């Protein structure tokens, strides 16, 4: 699983110009399976996404298509996480252990 931290790099009024295209991109990304969860930070300075795709390179390429990224008003930080334990009902979020380098 990948956690994507979105941090705004522009003022709120500039980000707002790109919000609707970003929301439309998010819906398409969710519908396609690229993104599993999307939400705004309570601090209102960005958002957080969860992706269950297996291919980080593919994910990073697709994130460049986010209107926020394309317009340069937000940065996306991708972190791979292993999720071996979940609450009942969230089993689909479980992942295989991360590969370690040898």
Foldseek 3Di string as FASTA:
>chain_A
DKKKWKFFPDDPVVVVVQVVQLVVLVVVCCVVQQWVDKDADPVRGTIMTDHPDDDPVVSVVSVCVRSCNVVVGIDIDMDDDAACDDPPPVVVPHDDDDDDDD
